[in-house]
Protein backbone atom coordinates (compact mmCIF):
# COMPACT_ATOMS: atom_id res chain seq x y z
CA PRO A 1 -31.23 -11.79 4.35
CA THR A 2 -31.74 -7.94 4.03
CA GLY A 3 -28.25 -7.27 4.91
CA THR A 4 -25.46 -5.85 2.52
CA ILE A 5 -21.80 -7.24 2.01
CA VAL A 6 -19.37 -4.59 2.69
CA SER A 7 -15.71 -5.34 1.15
CA TYR A 8 -13.21 -3.62 3.37
CA ASP A 9 -10.52 -4.33 1.01
CA SER A 10 -12.00 -2.08 -1.80
CA ASP A 11 -13.13 0.58 0.87
CA LEU A 12 -9.85 1.28 2.24
CA MET A 13 -8.72 4.87 3.07
CA LEU A 14 -5.29 6.05 3.16
CA SER A 15 -5.40 6.34 6.98
CA ASP A 16 -6.04 2.50 6.98
CA LEU A 17 -3.02 1.80 5.34
CA ARG A 18 0.14 1.00 7.45
CA LEU A 19 3.64 0.67 5.81
CA ASP A 20 5.18 -2.08 8.04
CA GLY A 21 8.48 -2.50 6.11
CA VAL A 22 10.35 -2.48 2.86
CA VAL A 23 12.28 -5.40 1.23
CA ALA A 24 15.12 -4.12 -1.05
CA GLN A 25 15.94 -6.27 -4.08
CA ALA A 26 19.19 -6.25 -5.82
CA ASP A 27 17.24 -5.72 -9.34
CA GLY A 28 15.49 -2.59 -7.76
CA ASN A 29 12.02 -3.95 -7.73
CA ASN A 30 11.70 -3.41 -3.88
CA LEU A 31 8.64 -5.04 -2.17
CA ALA A 32 6.60 -3.37 0.46
CA ILE A 33 4.68 -4.79 3.44
CA ILE A 34 1.54 -2.74 3.97
CA ASN A 35 -0.87 -3.77 6.59
CA GLY A 36 0.93 -7.35 6.56
CA GLN A 37 0.56 -8.00 2.89
CA ILE A 38 3.44 -8.06 0.55
CA VAL A 39 3.13 -5.98 -2.54
CA LYS A 40 5.15 -4.64 -5.43
CA ALA A 41 4.69 -1.83 -8.00
CA LYS A 42 1.50 -2.27 -10.04
CA ASP A 43 -0.01 -4.43 -7.27
CA VAL A 44 -3.63 -3.26 -5.98
CA ILE A 45 -4.61 -2.73 -2.26
CA GLY A 46 -7.98 -1.74 -1.80
CA LYS A 47 -8.50 0.99 -4.56
CA PHE A 48 -4.94 1.98 -4.39
CA THR A 49 -2.27 0.82 -7.09
CA VAL A 50 1.26 0.73 -6.04
CA VAL A 51 3.33 2.91 -8.32
CA LYS A 52 6.80 2.70 -6.67
CA VAL A 53 8.40 1.21 -3.61
CA ASN A 54 11.39 3.21 -2.16
CA MET A 55 13.39 2.27 0.78
CA GLU A 56 11.41 4.38 3.30
CA SER A 57 8.16 5.10 1.33
CA VAL A 58 5.61 3.85 -1.27
CA PHE A 59 4.06 5.80 -4.00
CA LEU A 60 0.25 5.04 -4.41
CA LEU A 61 -2.36 6.16 -7.04
CA LYS A 62 -6.13 6.23 -6.47
CA ASP A 63 -8.52 7.90 -8.78
CA GLY A 64 -5.79 9.81 -10.39
CA GLN A 65 -4.43 11.22 -7.08
CA LYS A 66 -1.00 10.57 -5.78
CA PHE A 67 -0.36 9.60 -2.22
CA THR A 68 2.82 8.72 -0.18
CA LEU A 69 2.88 6.23 2.59
CA GLU A 70 5.92 6.56 4.74
CA LEU A 71 7.69 4.12 6.95
CA LYS A 72 7.46 5.07 10.65
CA LYS A 73 10.62 5.73 12.31
CA GLU A 74 11.03 4.20 15.78
CA GLU A 75 12.05 6.62 18.37
């Protein structure tokens, strides 16, 4: 009764995000799979807004700061 509700979706940090894959589309509107969730440009994940999805990276915006999430290469 005195507990608080924490929304992890809104409290995500960049280190919590993992780019699992990218789906290329013929029209150039690529999709990204971040933490198992499919997103596209202008979608929001936590407090991050997806700006652009490239073939190997995703550009994000949070509080006016730009971030890049890169696809991990298998060794």
